Amino acid sequence: MIIEIIQATLAVLLVVAILMQNRGAGLGSAFGGGGNVYHTRRSLEKVLFYATIVIAVLFFITAMVNIIL
């Protein structure tokens, strides 16, 4: 029961972390109008990027544990 609660919490956190990452200036960048080839992450954006990776890995681990149990 506790693993399902942890997994649901991680799922919500993962969705929030992904949605908070700003990628481009709108719909125009989705069709090739971005023009930015290289982008350096700084401060909060870098922390959010790494937090998203950690949350995704934790979500995957809890999913595997949930399948095994």
N, C-alpha and C. Protein backbone atom coordinates (compact mmCIF):
# COMPACT_ATOMS: atom_id res chain seq x y z
N MET A 1 0.82 -1.20 0.00
CA MET A 1 0.00 0.00 0.00
C MET A 1 0.86 1.26 0.00
N ILE A 2 1.96 1.24 0.76
CA ILE A 2 2.81 2.42 0.86
C ILE A 2 3.53 2.69 -0.46
N ILE A 3 3.86 1.62 -1.20
CA ILE A 3 4.55 1.79 -2.48
C ILE A 3 3.65 2.49 -3.49
N GLU A 4 2.35 2.16 -3.48
CA GLU A 4 1.41 2.81 -4.39
C GLU A 4 1.28 4.30 -4.09
N ILE A 5 1.30 4.66 -2.81
CA ILE A 5 1.22 6.06 -2.42
C ILE A 5 2.47 6.81 -2.85
N ILE A 6 3.64 6.19 -2.65
CA ILE A 6 4.90 6.80 -3.06
C ILE A 6 4.93 6.96 -4.58
N GLN A 7 4.46 5.94 -5.29
CA GLN A 7 4.47 5.99 -6.75
C GLN A 7 3.51 7.07 -7.28
N ALA A 8 2.36 7.21 -6.68
CA ALA A 8 1.41 8.24 -7.10
C ALA A 8 1.97 9.63 -6.82
N THR A 9 2.63 9.81 -5.68
CA THR A 9 3.24 11.09 -5.35
C THR A 9 4.36 11.43 -6.32
N LEU A 10 5.18 10.43 -6.64
CA LEU A 10 6.26 10.66 -7.60
C LEU A 10 5.72 10.97 -8.98
N ALA A 11 4.60 10.36 -9.36
CA ALA A 11 4.00 10.63 -10.67
C ALA A 11 3.54 12.08 -10.75
N VAL A 12 2.91 12.57 -9.70
CA VAL A 12 2.46 13.96 -9.68
C VAL A 12 3.66 14.91 -9.71
N LEU A 13 4.68 14.61 -8.93
CA LEU A 13 5.88 15.45 -8.91
C LEU A 13 6.58 15.45 -10.26
N LEU A 14 6.59 14.30 -10.93
CA LEU A 14 7.23 14.21 -12.24
C LEU A 14 6.48 15.04 -13.28
N VAL A 15 5.16 14.99 -13.25
CA VAL A 15 4.36 15.79 -14.18
C VAL A 15 4.59 17.28 -13.93
N VAL A 16 4.61 17.68 -12.68
CA VAL A 16 4.82 19.09 -12.34
C VAL A 16 6.22 19.54 -12.77
N ALA A 17 7.22 18.70 -12.52
CA ALA A 17 8.59 19.06 -12.88
C ALA A 17 8.74 19.19 -14.40
N ILE A 18 8.09 18.32 -15.15
CA ILE A 18 8.18 18.39 -16.60
C ILE A 18 7.45 19.63 -17.12
N LEU A 19 6.30 19.92 -16.57
CA LEU A 19 5.54 21.07 -17.04
C LEU A 19 6.19 22.40 -16.67
N MET A 20 6.99 22.42 -15.62
CA MET A 20 7.65 23.66 -15.21
C MET A 20 8.84 24.00 -16.10
N GLN A 21 9.32 23.05 -16.87
CA GLN A 21 10.46 23.31 -17.75
C GLN A 21 9.98 24.03 -18.99
N ASN A 22 10.46 25.24 -19.18
CA ASN A 22 10.05 26.07 -20.30
C ASN A 22 10.94 25.78 -21.49
N ARG A 23 10.35 25.27 -22.56
CA ARG A 23 11.11 24.90 -23.75
C ARG A 23 10.67 25.73 -24.94
N GLY A 24 11.18 26.90 -25.13
CA GLY A 24 10.84 27.69 -26.30
C GLY A 24 9.83 28.76 -25.99
N ALA A 25 9.48 29.52 -27.01
CA ALA A 25 8.61 30.66 -26.81
C ALA A 25 7.18 30.39 -27.20
N GLY A 26 6.79 29.17 -27.36
CA GLY A 26 5.41 28.85 -27.71
C GLY A 26 5.33 27.80 -28.78
N LEU A 27 4.23 27.82 -29.52
CA LEU A 27 3.97 26.80 -30.52
C LEU A 27 4.87 26.95 -31.74
N GLY A 28 5.38 28.13 -31.98
CA GLY A 28 6.25 28.36 -33.12
C GLY A 28 7.53 27.55 -33.06
N SER A 29 8.05 27.31 -31.87
CA SER A 29 9.27 26.52 -31.74
C SER A 29 9.02 25.05 -32.01
N ALA A 30 7.77 24.60 -31.93
CA ALA A 30 7.47 23.20 -32.21
C ALA A 30 7.59 22.88 -33.69
N PHE A 31 7.49 23.89 -34.54
CA PHE A 31 7.57 23.68 -35.98
C PHE A 31 8.89 24.17 -36.55
N GLY A 32 9.92 24.23 -35.73
CA GLY A 32 11.24 24.57 -36.22
C GLY A 32 11.58 26.05 -36.13
N GLY A 33 10.79 26.84 -35.49
CA GLY A 33 11.05 28.26 -35.41
C GLY A 33 11.87 28.68 -34.21
N GLY A 34 12.39 27.71 -33.47
CA GLY A 34 13.14 28.03 -32.26
C GLY A 34 14.45 28.73 -32.54
N GLY A 35 15.28 28.14 -33.36
CA GLY A 35 16.54 28.74 -33.74
C GLY A 35 17.66 28.56 -32.73
N ASN A 36 17.37 28.10 -31.53
CA ASN A 36 18.41 27.89 -30.53
C ASN A 36 18.99 26.49 -30.71
N VAL A 37 20.27 26.45 -31.09
CA VAL A 37 20.91 25.16 -31.28
C VAL A 37 21.47 24.65 -29.97
N TYR A 38 22.07 25.50 -29.21
CA TYR A 38 22.69 25.13 -27.94
C TYR A 38 22.16 26.04 -26.85
N HIS A 39 21.76 25.41 -25.74
CA HIS A 39 21.18 26.18 -24.65
C HIS A 39 21.83 25.73 -23.35
N THR A 40 22.41 26.64 -22.60
CA THR A 40 23.04 26.33 -21.33
C THR A 40 22.03 26.51 -20.21
N ARG A 41 21.90 25.49 -19.38
CA ARG A 41 21.00 25.59 -18.24
C ARG A 41 21.72 26.31 -17.11
N ARG A 42 21.00 27.18 -16.42
CA ARG A 42 21.59 27.95 -15.33
C ARG A 42 20.71 27.85 -14.09
N SER A 43 21.32 27.89 -12.95
CA SER A 43 20.73 27.95 -11.61
C SER A 43 19.47 27.10 -11.44
N LEU A 44 18.32 27.73 -11.33
CA LEU A 44 17.08 27.02 -11.02
C LEU A 44 16.69 26.06 -12.13
N GLU A 45 16.96 26.43 -13.37
CA GLU A 45 16.64 25.56 -14.49
C GLU A 45 17.47 24.28 -14.43
N LYS A 46 18.72 24.39 -14.02
CA LYS A 46 19.59 23.22 -13.90
C LYS A 46 19.12 22.32 -12.75
N VAL A 47 18.75 22.94 -11.63
CA VAL A 47 18.26 22.16 -10.49
C VAL A 47 16.97 21.43 -10.86
N LEU A 48 16.08 22.10 -11.57
CA LEU A 48 14.83 21.48 -12.00
C LEU A 48 15.09 20.35 -12.97
N PHE A 49 16.06 20.51 -13.86
CA PHE A 49 16.42 19.47 -14.82
C PHE A 49 16.92 18.22 -14.10
N TYR A 50 17.85 18.40 -13.16
CA TYR A 50 18.37 17.25 -12.42
C TYR A 50 17.32 16.64 -11.50
N ALA A 51 16.46 17.45 -10.93
CA ALA A 51 15.38 16.93 -10.08
C ALA A 51 14.42 16.08 -10.90
N THR A 52 14.16 16.49 -12.14
CA THR A 52 13.29 15.70 -13.02
C THR A 52 13.90 14.33 -13.29
N ILE A 53 15.20 14.30 -13.53
CA ILE A 53 15.87 13.02 -13.77
C ILE A 53 15.80 12.13 -12.54
N VAL A 54 16.05 12.70 -11.37
CA VAL A 54 16.02 11.91 -10.12
C VAL A 54 14.62 11.39 -9.85
N ILE A 55 13.61 12.22 -10.04
CA ILE A 55 12.23 11.80 -9.81
C ILE A 55 11.84 10.70 -10.80
N ALA A 56 12.27 10.82 -12.05
CA ALA A 56 11.96 9.79 -13.05
C ALA A 56 12.61 8.46 -12.69
N VAL A 57 13.85 8.49 -12.22
CA VAL A 57 14.54 7.26 -11.82
C VAL A 57 13.85 6.65 -10.60
N LEU A 58 13.49 7.46 -9.63
CA LEU A 58 12.78 6.95 -8.46
C LEU A 58 11.43 6.37 -8.83
N PHE A 59 10.73 7.01 -9.77
CA PHE A 59 9.45 6.49 -10.23
C PHE A 59 9.63 5.13 -10.90
N PHE A 60 10.67 4.99 -11.72
CA PHE A 60 10.95 3.72 -12.37
C PHE A 60 11.27 2.63 -11.36
N ILE A 61 12.08 2.97 -10.34
CA ILE A 61 12.43 1.99 -9.32
C ILE A 61 11.20 1.55 -8.53
N THR A 62 10.34 2.50 -8.15
CA THR A 62 9.14 2.11 -7.41
C THR A 62 8.19 1.30 -8.30
N ALA A 63 8.17 1.58 -9.59
CA ALA A 63 7.32 0.78 -10.50
C ALA A 63 7.84 -0.66 -10.56
N MET A 64 9.15 -0.83 -10.64
CA MET A 64 9.73 -2.18 -10.67
C MET A 64 9.48 -2.92 -9.35
N VAL A 65 9.62 -2.22 -8.25
CA VAL A 65 9.37 -2.84 -6.95
C VAL A 65 7.90 -3.22 -6.83
N ASN A 66 7.03 -2.38 -7.35
CA ASN A 66 5.59 -2.65 -7.31
C ASN A 66 5.26 -3.87 -8.15
N ILE A 67 5.93 -4.04 -9.29
CA ILE A 67 5.69 -5.22 -10.12
C ILE A 67 6.20 -6.49 -9.45
N ILE A 68 7.37 -6.40 -8.83
CA ILE A 68 7.97 -7.57 -8.17
C ILE A 68 7.14 -8.01 -6.97
N LEU A 69 6.64 -7.06 -6.20
CA LEU A 69 5.84 -7.42 -5.02
C LEU A 69 4.42 -7.63 -5.45
